[in-house]
Amino acid sequence: KDIAIIGIDQQTGFWADRPYFAFNPLFGEFIQAMITASASAVLLDVIFESSPDNEIRRLFSDLLRKSGISVPPQLLNRVGFDFPLRNALLDAKKSNLKVVLGFGQEAGNPTNPLNKQMIGILVPSEQKGFLNVRPDDDQVIRSTALIAKSNDSGKVVPSADLALASQICRSSFFVSPVGDLVFNQAPIRNLSQGRIGYIDYAGPMNTYPMESFKNVLIDSRDHPERLKRFSGKTLLVGAWGIEDNKPVPVSDYMPGIEIHANIVENIIKQKFLAIPGFFVTVCIMSIFCLIQFFAFNFGSKFGAYSTFFLFSFWGIACFWAFKNSLVLPFSRPLIFTLLSGLSEGFWMFRSIEDERKKTRELFRRYVNDVVIESILSDPSEQITKGVRRKICVMFTDIRGFTSFSENRDPREVVSALNRYFEILTNTIFKHNGVVDKFLGDGIMSFFNAPMENPNYCADAVDFMFGPESLYMSGKHW
């Protein structure tokens, strides 16, 4: 609420009806208006690379010379755009209005042309800083350098945002012996390399109130009493909606002057984002993997619930952490959790299928496939626990087997037994029976277990006549 943006928008350009380099008189008028309003500080997001006055005087002198008019140098020196701004800067210094001016930097090397201009000389060094905010490789503005080292002088140069924050808080800054950037008697937290801070944006574009530069000057001329709304405020002046728009994480784009407003607030409140390193991400993913491993040991359903819980928990945790200026890795742990959950589920599915396959192979000799599937799919597990139930037990035996086997080759006897067991076993299965055991040349079987069958007596009787009918038909014997 103490920061306001004064935008040099398209309406201001039409209203001023002049090129941008000729805005210095308007900047001077604006500073005079803020002196009247008792504002706290002003940042001009304008790079004063060189004064246009020398070029203007040269053109003006050549024009007069061609017309045969001689102008004394003293009079020619009074021609220019800088005079209103110079006078305003002098008045601001007398009235204790802090005006911060900016300059550019090339390849990370801040060069200060203001020191060679009269405008820059009128402003103390602590009220000057570089303006450029370097984007990431994808051109999105996520971080900012608060200080840089000049290759020319070797001195530490502040950003214009740090210079403005220092003027607002009436506090100096310095680099401690251990490399920390100290501001307002405390190291600025969460800085990378001791100077780069990840911006904690207050919100999308237009989060900070913006007024047109034109409207402020009109109020200054026609309604000076309206300037009271700027009393005690910090005002950032810069291009709005013209050419200085940058992509940011919270909006498709944001004017550079509003990015500076976010940075200034981050410095004052010391709320730059903390971004953990890759090691923290690996630790989080390892913990999630262990949780998934133990959860799936209690069953696939429990594992699925744990995956859903981790997704929900981590989403809430990341949101809460971000609200507290901590950026936790969001996508990698969730993707890893999903993949580990799918892997654990697939591994468990394969294990269950292998067990089912072994169970089928084990019981296929004694029961039919229907009973096997019932045993594998019964959720109550009563089949494996055992129940009290009426059953019908059937014993079969080969009459005369002893005399039959005494006079024949053992291979012939075994072949006959195998054929006999195969025929009777299939017949038992067809009648919903279960083979309990093989007794030499006999078979013990029962009906109505493990699956309950209301027609088990009829099935047992039908089975009883089955071998007799096979024998009578002579089909296999």
Protein backbone atom coordinates (compact mmCIF):
# COMPACT_ATOMS: atom_id res chain seq x y z
CA LYS A 1 0.00 0.00 0.00
CA ASP A 2 3.02 2.32 0.37
CA ILE A 3 4.20 1.71 -3.20
CA ALA A 4 2.49 3.25 -6.23
CA ILE A 5 3.36 2.97 -9.90
CA ILE A 6 3.22 5.95 -12.24
CA GLY A 7 3.00 4.56 -15.75
CA ILE A 8 4.19 6.34 -18.85
CA ASP A 9 1.46 4.81 -20.98
CA GLN A 10 0.28 5.38 -24.52
CA GLN A 11 -2.05 8.18 -23.43
CA THR A 12 0.89 10.00 -21.90
CA GLY A 13 2.82 9.69 -25.16
CA PHE A 14 -0.04 11.21 -27.17
CA TRP A 15 -0.59 13.93 -24.57
CA ALA A 16 3.09 14.93 -24.27
CA ASP A 17 3.53 14.94 -28.08
CA ARG A 18 7.31 14.69 -27.94
CA PRO A 19 10.02 12.04 -28.34
CA TYR A 20 11.03 10.10 -25.28
CA PHE A 21 14.46 11.76 -25.01
CA ALA A 22 12.67 15.09 -24.55
CA PHE A 23 10.81 13.94 -21.42
CA ASN A 24 13.39 15.41 -19.02
CA PRO A 25 11.38 18.61 -18.44
CA LEU A 26 8.32 16.49 -17.64
CA PHE A 27 10.35 14.41 -15.20
CA GLY A 28 11.46 17.64 -13.55
CA GLU A 29 7.83 18.78 -13.31
CA PHE A 30 6.86 15.43 -11.80
CA ILE A 31 9.58 15.64 -9.15
CA GLN A 32 8.44 19.14 -8.24
CA ALA A 33 4.90 17.79 -7.87
CA MET A 34 6.10 15.02 -5.54
CA ILE A 35 7.94 17.60 -3.44
CA THR A 36 4.62 19.39 -3.07
CA ALA A 37 2.89 16.10 -2.21
CA SER A 38 5.53 15.23 0.46
CA ALA A 39 6.23 11.86 -1.14
CA SER A 40 8.86 9.62 0.43
CA ALA A 41 10.93 8.52 -2.57
CA VAL A 42 10.88 8.38 -6.36
CA LEU A 43 12.51 5.88 -8.73
CA LEU A 44 12.82 6.89 -12.37
CA ASP A 45 12.96 3.69 -14.43
CA VAL A 46 14.66 5.59 -17.22
CA ILE A 47 18.20 4.99 -18.44
CA PHE A 48 19.93 8.35 -18.77
CA GLU A 49 22.68 7.20 -21.13
CA SER A 50 23.65 10.67 -22.35
CA SER A 51 22.22 14.15 -22.24
CA PRO A 52 20.51 15.30 -25.46
CA ASP A 53 21.43 18.92 -24.75
CA ASN A 54 24.83 18.92 -26.47
CA GLU A 55 23.35 17.55 -29.70
CA ILE A 56 20.46 20.01 -29.51
CA ARG A 57 22.85 22.96 -29.04
CA ARG A 58 24.95 21.84 -31.98
CA LEU A 59 21.93 21.57 -34.29
CA PHE A 60 20.58 24.90 -33.03
CA SER A 61 23.96 26.61 -33.57
CA ASP A 62 24.29 25.20 -37.12
CA LEU A 63 20.79 26.38 -37.98
CA LEU A 64 21.50 29.93 -36.75
CA ARG A 65 24.88 30.01 -38.47
CA LYS A 66 23.29 29.15 -41.81
CA SER A 67 20.92 32.05 -41.27
CA GLY A 68 23.82 34.37 -40.57
CA ILE A 69 22.99 34.74 -36.88
CA SER A 70 25.73 34.58 -34.28
CA VAL A 71 24.76 33.42 -30.80
CA PRO A 72 27.07 33.91 -27.80
CA PRO A 73 28.10 30.63 -26.07
CA GLN A 74 26.66 31.89 -22.78
CA LEU A 75 23.22 32.16 -24.37
CA LEU A 76 23.58 28.86 -26.23
CA ASN A 77 24.35 27.03 -22.99
CA ARG A 78 20.93 28.00 -21.70
CA VAL A 79 19.27 25.92 -24.42
CA GLY A 80 18.42 22.35 -23.42
CA PHE A 81 16.03 19.88 -21.83
CA ASP A 82 18.01 19.18 -18.67
CA PHE A 83 17.51 22.45 -16.83
CA PRO A 84 14.03 21.71 -15.38
CA LEU A 85 15.20 18.28 -14.26
CA ARG A 86 18.41 19.66 -12.75
CA ASN A 87 16.49 22.27 -10.80
CA ALA A 88 13.99 19.66 -9.62
CA LEU A 89 16.82 17.41 -8.39
CA LEU A 90 18.34 20.31 -6.47
CA ASP A 91 14.96 21.13 -4.90
CA ALA A 92 14.42 17.44 -4.04
CA LYS A 93 17.74 17.36 -2.24
CA LYS A 94 16.76 20.42 -0.21
CA SER A 95 13.32 19.00 0.66
CA ASN A 96 14.66 15.53 1.55
CA LEU A 97 12.75 13.79 -1.27
CA LYS A 98 14.88 10.80 -2.27
CA VAL A 99 15.15 10.49 -6.05
CA VAL A 100 16.81 7.32 -7.36
CA LEU A 101 18.15 7.28 -10.92
CA GLY A 102 19.10 4.23 -12.93
CA PHE A 103 21.61 3.21 -15.55
CA GLY A 104 22.20 0.12 -17.66
CA GLN A 105 24.61 -2.79 -17.47
CA GLU A 106 26.11 -4.83 -20.26
CA ALA A 107 26.98 -8.52 -19.74
CA GLY A 108 26.68 -8.09 -16.01
CA ASN A 109 29.07 -5.12 -15.93
CA PRO A 110 27.31 -2.01 -14.57
CA THR A 111 28.55 1.11 -16.31
CA ASN A 112 27.43 4.38 -14.78
CA PRO A 113 27.28 7.19 -17.36
CA LEU A 114 25.44 9.32 -14.81
CA ASN A 115 28.76 10.16 -13.18
CA LYS A 116 29.70 12.05 -16.36
CA GLN A 117 26.45 14.03 -16.61
CA MET A 118 25.22 17.00 -14.69
CA ILE A 119 22.02 15.10 -13.83
CA GLY A 120 24.01 12.29 -12.25
CA ILE A 121 26.33 14.63 -10.41
CA LEU A 122 23.36 16.24 -8.67
CA VAL A 123 22.28 12.86 -7.23
CA PRO A 124 24.33 11.20 -4.44
CA SER A 125 26.00 7.90 -5.32
CA GLU A 126 23.79 5.96 -2.89
CA GLN A 127 20.76 7.06 -4.94
CA LYS A 128 21.98 5.53 -8.19
CA GLY A 129 21.92 1.91 -9.39
CA PHE A 130 21.63 -0.35 -12.40
CA LEU A 131 18.14 -1.11 -13.71
CA ASN A 132 18.50 -4.18 -15.91
CA VAL A 133 16.80 -7.37 -14.67
CA ARG A 134 18.27 -10.33 -16.52
CA PRO A 135 15.80 -13.07 -17.60
CA ASP A 136 16.36 -16.82 -17.50
CA ASP A 137 17.09 -18.81 -20.64
CA ASP A 138 13.36 -19.00 -21.41
CA GLN A 139 13.18 -15.16 -21.11
CA VAL A 140 11.06 -15.34 -17.93
CA ILE A 141 11.99 -12.97 -15.09
CA ARG A 142 12.34 -15.14 -11.97
CA SER A 143 15.35 -13.64 -10.22
CA THR A 144 17.29 -10.42 -9.87
CA ALA A 145 20.82 -9.40 -8.97
CA LEU A 146 20.90 -6.91 -6.10
CA ILE A 147 24.56 -6.00 -6.50
CA ALA A 148 27.21 -6.27 -9.21
CA LYS A 149 30.89 -5.58 -9.42
CA SER A 150 32.07 -2.98 -11.90
CA ASN A 151 34.88 -4.16 -14.14
CA ASP A 152 36.07 -0.59 -14.49
CA SER A 153 36.33 0.48 -10.85
CA GLY A 154 36.14 -2.88 -9.08
CA LYS A 155 33.55 -1.44 -6.70
CA VAL A 156 30.29 -3.08 -5.67
CA VAL A 157 27.40 -1.34 -7.43
CA PRO A 158 23.81 -1.71 -6.17
CA SER A 159 20.74 -2.24 -8.27
CA ALA A 160 18.33 0.68 -8.47
CA ASP A 161 15.86 -1.41 -6.43
CA LEU A 162 18.37 -1.91 -3.61
CA ALA A 163 19.26 1.79 -3.71
CA LEU A 164 15.56 2.71 -3.49
CA ALA A 165 14.93 0.28 -0.62
CA SER A 166 17.89 1.79 1.23
CA GLN A 167 16.41 5.27 0.85
CA ILE A 168 12.96 4.13 1.99
CA CYS A 169 14.31 2.41 5.12
CA ARG A 170 16.97 5.06 5.71
CA SER A 171 19.47 2.23 5.95
CA SER A 172 22.72 1.44 4.21
CA PHE A 173 23.88 -1.90 2.81
CA PHE A 174 27.24 -3.65 2.61
CA VAL A 175 28.80 -7.00 1.83
CA SER A 176 29.98 -8.80 4.97
CA PRO A 177 33.37 -10.58 5.16
CA VAL A 178 31.60 -13.93 4.64
CA GLY A 179 29.91 -12.67 1.47
CA ASP A 180 26.42 -11.94 2.83
CA LEU A 181 24.58 -8.86 1.61
CA VAL A 182 23.61 -6.98 4.76
CA PHE A 183 20.65 -4.62 4.58
CA ASN A 184 18.98 -2.80 7.45
CA GLN A 185 21.46 -4.40 9.88
CA ALA A 186 20.55 -7.98 8.88
CA PRO A 187 21.71 -10.31 6.08
CA ILE A 188 19.17 -10.64 3.30
CA ARG A 189 17.97 -14.24 3.44
CA ASN A 190 17.66 -16.74 0.60
CA LEU A 191 20.15 -15.09 -1.77
CA SER A 192 22.02 -17.24 -4.27
CA GLN A 193 25.74 -16.48 -4.59
CA GLY A 194 25.20 -13.76 -2.00
CA ARG A 195 23.55 -11.41 -4.49
CA ILE A 196 20.79 -13.07 -6.57
CA GLY A 197 17.29 -13.30 -5.16
CA TYR A 198 14.32 -15.25 -6.55
CA ILE A 199 11.41 -12.83 -6.71
CA ASP A 200 8.36 -13.56 -4.56
CA TYR A 201 5.75 -11.81 -6.69
CA ALA A 202 2.89 -10.24 -4.77
CA GLY A 203 0.49 -11.25 -7.53
CA PRO A 204 -0.17 -10.97 -11.26
CA MET A 205 -0.03 -7.78 -13.30
CA ASN A 206 -1.88 -4.79 -11.80
CA THR A 207 -1.40 -5.99 -8.22
CA TYR A 208 0.15 -2.62 -7.44
CA PRO A 209 -1.98 0.48 -8.12
CA MET A 210 -1.02 2.32 -11.30
CA GLU A 211 -1.76 5.89 -12.35
CA SER A 212 -1.02 7.52 -15.66
CA PHE A 213 1.93 9.90 -15.72
CA LYS A 214 -0.26 12.29 -17.70
CA ASN A 215 -2.98 12.42 -15.02
CA VAL A 216 -0.47 13.19 -12.26
CA LEU A 217 0.96 16.14 -14.22
CA ILE A 218 -2.54 17.42 -15.04
CA ASP A 219 -3.45 17.29 -11.33
CA SER A 220 -0.21 19.08 -10.52
CA ARG A 221 -1.12 21.91 -12.88
CA ASP A 222 -4.87 22.17 -12.34
CA HIS A 223 -5.63 20.50 -8.98
CA PRO A 224 -2.52 20.50 -6.78
CA GLU A 225 -4.64 19.61 -3.74
CA ARG A 226 -5.17 16.13 -5.24
CA LEU A 227 -1.49 15.37 -4.89
CA LYS A 228 -2.02 14.64 -1.19
CA ARG A 229 -2.78 11.03 -2.14
CA PHE A 230 0.96 10.57 -2.71
CA SER A 231 1.99 11.80 0.73
CA GLY A 232 4.53 9.43 2.30
CA LYS A 233 4.42 7.03 -0.64
CA THR A 234 7.17 5.54 -2.76
CA LEU A 235 6.58 6.18 -6.46
CA LEU A 236 8.09 4.18 -9.29
CA VAL A 237 7.96 5.88 -12.69
CA GLY A 238 8.42 3.92 -15.89
CA ALA A 239 6.97 2.67 -19.16
CA TRP A 240 3.61 0.89 -18.94
CA GLY A 241 2.09 -1.15 -21.74
CA ILE A 242 4.40 0.24 -24.39
CA GLU A 243 7.59 -1.76 -24.81
CA ASP A 244 8.94 -2.73 -21.39
CA ASN A 245 6.79 -5.86 -20.86
CA LYS A 246 8.47 -9.03 -19.61
CA PRO A 247 7.22 -12.63 -19.12
CA VAL A 248 6.92 -13.53 -15.43
CA PRO A 249 5.84 -16.74 -13.62
CA VAL A 250 2.57 -15.23 -12.35
CA SER A 251 1.39 -13.59 -15.60
CA ASP A 252 1.88 -13.82 -19.31
CA TYR A 253 3.76 -10.55 -19.00
CA MET A 254 4.31 -7.69 -16.57
CA PRO A 255 5.65 -4.15 -17.09
CA GLY A 256 9.23 -3.78 -15.96
CA ILE A 257 8.29 -1.02 -13.53
CA GLU A 258 5.93 -3.39 -11.67
CA ILE A 259 8.69 -6.01 -11.54
CA HIS A 260 10.85 -3.39 -9.83
CA ALA A 261 8.02 -2.73 -7.35
CA ASN A 262 7.96 -6.43 -6.42
CA ILE A 263 11.74 -6.49 -5.99
CA VAL A 264 11.72 -3.40 -3.75
CA GLU A 265 9.07 -4.96 -1.52
CA ASN A 266 11.05 -8.23 -1.38
CA ILE A 267 14.13 -6.33 -0.22
CA ILE A 268 12.29 -4.33 2.44
CA LYS A 269 10.42 -7.36 3.81
CA GLN A 270 13.34 -9.75 3.18
CA LYS A 271 11.00 -12.28 1.58
CA PHE A 272 12.89 -13.61 -1.43
CA LEU A 273 11.98 -17.17 -2.32
CA ALA A 274 14.07 -20.01 -0.93
CA ILE A 275 14.69 -22.77 -3.49
CA PRO A 276 16.20 -26.01 -2.12
CA GLY A 277 18.92 -27.78 -4.05
CA PHE A 278 18.70 -31.04 -5.97
CA PHE A 279 19.79 -33.02 -2.90
CA VAL A 280 16.56 -32.07 -1.12
CA THR A 281 14.57 -33.27 -4.13
CA VAL A 282 16.38 -36.62 -4.05
CA CYS A 283 15.69 -36.99 -0.30
CA ILE A 284 11.98 -36.24 -0.78
CA MET A 285 11.73 -38.74 -3.63
CA SER A 286 13.52 -41.39 -1.54
CA ILE A 287 11.11 -40.88 1.37
CA PHE A 288 8.13 -41.18 -0.96
CA CYS A 289 9.60 -44.36 -2.43
CA LEU A 290 9.95 -45.93 1.03
CA ILE A 291 6.37 -44.97 1.92
CA GLN A 292 5.14 -46.57 -1.29
CA PHE A 293 7.16 -49.71 -0.65
CA PHE A 294 5.80 -50.27 2.86
CA ALA A 295 2.26 -49.29 1.84
CA PHE A 296 2.09 -51.84 -0.97
CA ASN A 297 3.26 -54.53 1.45
CA PHE A 298 -0.18 -54.18 3.08
CA GLY A 299 -1.95 -54.75 -0.21
CA SER A 300 -2.63 -53.05 -3.52
CA LYS A 301 -5.65 -51.19 -2.16
CA PHE A 302 -3.64 -49.73 0.71
CA GLY A 303 -0.88 -48.82 -1.75
CA ALA A 304 -3.37 -47.02 -4.01
CA TYR A 305 -4.69 -45.08 -1.02
CA SER A 306 -1.14 -44.11 -0.04
CA THR A 307 -0.46 -42.84 -3.57
CA PHE A 308 -3.57 -40.67 -3.47
CA PHE A 309 -2.62 -39.43 0.01
CA LEU A 310 0.91 -38.51 -1.10
CA PHE A 311 -0.45 -36.61 -4.10
CA SER A 312 -2.87 -34.63 -1.93
CA PHE A 313 -0.41 -34.08 0.90
CA TRP A 314 2.40 -32.90 -1.36
CA GLY A 315 0.15 -30.52 -3.29
CA ILE A 316 -1.02 -28.90 -0.04
CA ALA A 317 2.53 -28.87 1.36
CA CYS A 318 3.93 -27.14 -1.74
CA PHE A 319 1.14 -24.56 -1.69
CA TRP A 320 1.67 -23.84 2.02
CA ALA A 321 5.44 -23.63 1.58
CA PHE A 322 5.10 -21.24 -1.35
CA LYS A 323 2.88 -18.98 0.75
CA ASN A 324 5.80 -18.90 3.20
CA SER A 325 8.43 -18.09 0.53
CA LEU A 326 9.71 -21.65 0.13
CA VAL A 327 9.60 -23.25 -3.32
CA LEU A 328 9.48 -27.03 -2.92
CA PRO A 329 9.94 -29.31 -5.94
CA PHE A 330 6.40 -30.09 -7.08
CA SER A 331 6.37 -32.12 -10.27
CA ARG A 332 9.35 -34.44 -9.80
CA PRO A 333 8.22 -36.03 -6.50
CA LEU A 334 4.67 -36.44 -7.82
CA ILE A 335 5.80 -38.01 -11.08
CA PHE A 336 8.19 -40.25 -9.15
CA THR A 337 5.39 -41.20 -6.73
CA LEU A 338 3.09 -42.08 -9.61
CA LEU A 339 5.75 -44.13 -11.39
CA SER A 340 6.80 -45.92 -8.19
CA GLY A 341 3.15 -46.63 -7.37
CA LEU A 342 2.57 -48.06 -10.84
CA SER A 343 5.77 -50.09 -10.57
CA GLU A 344 4.84 -51.46 -7.15
CA GLY A 345 1.33 -52.22 -8.36
CA PHE A 346 2.63 -53.98 -11.47
CA TRP A 347 5.13 -55.96 -9.40
CA MET A 348 2.39 -56.96 -6.95
CA PHE A 349 0.08 -57.91 -9.82
CA ARG A 350 2.77 -60.11 -11.32
CA SER A 351 3.46 -61.70 -7.92
CA ILE A 352 -0.22 -62.42 -7.36
CA GLU A 353 -0.56 -63.86 -10.85
CA ASP A 354 2.48 -66.06 -10.26
CA GLU A 355 0.95 -67.31 -7.01
CA ARG A 356 -2.36 -67.93 -8.75
CA LYS A 357 -0.57 -69.84 -11.46
CA LYS A 358 1.22 -72.01 -8.90
CA THR A 359 -2.05 -72.58 -7.07
CA ARG A 360 -3.79 -73.64 -10.28
CA GLU A 361 -0.99 -76.03 -11.14
CA LEU A 362 -1.06 -77.47 -7.62
CA PHE A 363 -4.82 -78.02 -7.36
CA ARG A 364 -5.59 -78.86 -10.97
CA ARG A 365 -4.88 -82.54 -10.25
CA TYR A 366 -7.50 -82.63 -7.50
CA VAL A 367 -10.28 -80.15 -8.37
CA ASN A 368 -11.78 -78.65 -11.48
CA ASP A 369 -11.09 -75.11 -12.73
CA VAL A 370 -14.34 -73.72 -11.32
CA VAL A 371 -13.36 -74.71 -7.80
CA ILE A 372 -9.84 -73.34 -8.30
CA GLU A 373 -11.14 -69.93 -9.41
CA SER A 374 -13.56 -69.90 -6.48
CA ILE A 375 -10.72 -70.59 -4.07
CA LEU A 376 -8.63 -67.77 -5.59
CA SER A 377 -11.43 -65.23 -5.72
CA ASP A 378 -13.32 -65.89 -2.46
CA PRO A 379 -12.83 -62.65 -0.44
CA SER A 380 -14.12 -64.19 2.78
CA GLU A 381 -11.29 -66.74 2.84
CA GLN A 382 -13.69 -69.24 4.45
CA ILE A 383 -12.47 -71.86 2.04
CA THR A 384 -8.97 -71.81 3.44
CA LYS A 385 -10.07 -71.37 7.07
CA GLY A 386 -12.45 -74.37 7.02
CA VAL A 387 -16.16 -74.72 7.82
CA ARG A 388 -18.44 -77.47 9.18
CA ARG A 389 -20.54 -78.97 6.38
CA LYS A 390 -22.20 -82.23 5.31
CA ILE A 391 -20.29 -83.92 2.52
CA CYS A 392 -20.53 -87.13 0.56
CA VAL A 393 -17.34 -89.22 0.45
CA MET A 394 -16.78 -91.71 -2.35
CA PHE A 395 -14.20 -94.54 -2.49
CA THR A 396 -13.45 -96.33 -5.75
CA ASP A 397 -11.32 -99.42 -6.23
CA ILE A 398 -10.34 -101.75 -9.09
CA ARG A 399 -11.71 -105.24 -8.54
CA GLY A 400 -9.12 -107.95 -9.15
CA PHE A 401 -6.24 -105.50 -9.45
CA THR A 402 -3.84 -107.75 -7.52
CA SER A 403 -4.24 -110.71 -9.84
CA PHE A 404 -4.24 -108.33 -12.80
CA SER A 405 -0.90 -106.81 -11.85
CA GLU A 406 0.85 -110.08 -10.90
CA ASN A 407 0.84 -111.50 -14.41
CA ARG A 408 1.73 -108.31 -16.35
CA ASP A 409 4.73 -106.16 -17.03
CA PRO A 410 5.03 -103.20 -14.57
CA ARG A 411 5.00 -100.72 -17.43
CA GLU A 412 1.70 -102.09 -18.64
CA VAL A 413 0.29 -101.89 -15.09
CA VAL A 414 1.39 -98.26 -14.64
CA SER A 415 -0.03 -97.32 -18.04
CA ALA A 416 -3.37 -98.89 -17.14
CA LEU A 417 -3.43 -97.14 -13.75
CA ASN A 418 -2.68 -93.76 -15.30
CA ARG A 419 -5.46 -94.19 -17.82
CA TYR A 420 -7.80 -95.30 -15.04
CA PHE A 421 -6.93 -92.34 -12.78
CA GLU A 422 -7.29 -89.89 -15.66
CA ILE A 423 -10.75 -91.15 -16.60
CA LEU A 424 -12.09 -91.20 -13.04
CA THR A 425 -10.52 -87.85 -12.12
CA ASN A 426 -12.16 -86.13 -15.09
CA THR A 427 -15.45 -87.81 -14.20
CA ILE A 428 -15.20 -86.58 -10.60
CA PHE A 429 -14.50 -83.04 -11.85
CA LYS A 430 -17.51 -83.16 -14.18
CA HIS A 431 -19.70 -83.95 -11.19
CA ASN A 432 -18.28 -81.08 -9.07
CA GLY A 433 -16.28 -83.42 -6.87
CA VAL A 434 -12.81 -83.14 -5.38
CA VAL A 435 -10.08 -85.79 -5.45
CA ASP A 436 -8.82 -86.17 -1.90
CA LYS A 437 -6.10 -88.77 -2.43
CA PHE A 438 -4.97 -91.73 -4.49
CA LEU A 439 -4.91 -95.01 -2.57
CA GLY A 440 -2.85 -97.45 -4.62
CA ASP A 441 -5.41 -98.50 -7.22
CA GLY A 442 -8.19 -96.58 -5.50
CA ILE A 443 -9.36 -92.98 -5.29
CA MET A 444 -10.95 -91.14 -2.37
CA SER A 445 -13.15 -88.21 -3.40
CA PHE A 446 -15.82 -86.02 -1.77
CA PHE A 447 -18.64 -83.71 -2.79
CA ASN A 448 -20.07 -80.44 -1.38
CA ALA A 449 -16.63 -79.03 -0.46
CA PRO A 450 -14.85 -76.73 -0.57
CA MET A 451 -17.63 -74.99 -2.55
CA GLU A 452 -21.14 -75.59 -1.27
CA ASN A 453 -23.34 -77.45 -3.75
CA PRO A 454 -27.05 -78.03 -3.02
CA ASN A 455 -27.10 -80.95 -5.53
CA TYR A 456 -24.04 -82.72 -4.18
CA CYS A 457 -25.92 -85.99 -3.44
CA ALA A 458 -27.22 -86.20 -6.98
CA ASP A 459 -23.75 -85.45 -8.35
CA ALA A 460 -22.25 -88.20 -6.19
CA VAL A 461 -24.82 -90.76 -7.36
CA ASP A 462 -24.30 -89.74 -10.98
CA PHE A 463 -20.57 -90.19 -10.50
CA MET A 464 -21.14 -93.62 -8.95
CA PHE A 465 -22.79 -94.83 -12.13
CA GLY A 466 -20.17 -93.19 -14.28
CA PRO A 467 -17.39 -95.81 -13.88
CA GLU A 468 -19.96 -98.60 -14.17
CA SER A 469 -21.21 -97.23 -17.45
CA LEU A 470 -17.64 -96.84 -18.70
CA TYR A 471 -16.95 -100.42 -17.76
CA MET A 472 -20.11 -101.70 -19.38
CA SER A 473 -19.43 -99.83 -22.58
CA GLY A 474 -15.94 -101.28 -22.88
CA LYS A 475 -14.79 -97.99 -24.35
CA HIS A 476 -11.63 -97.73 -22.26
CA TRP A 477 -11.26 -101.20 -20.79
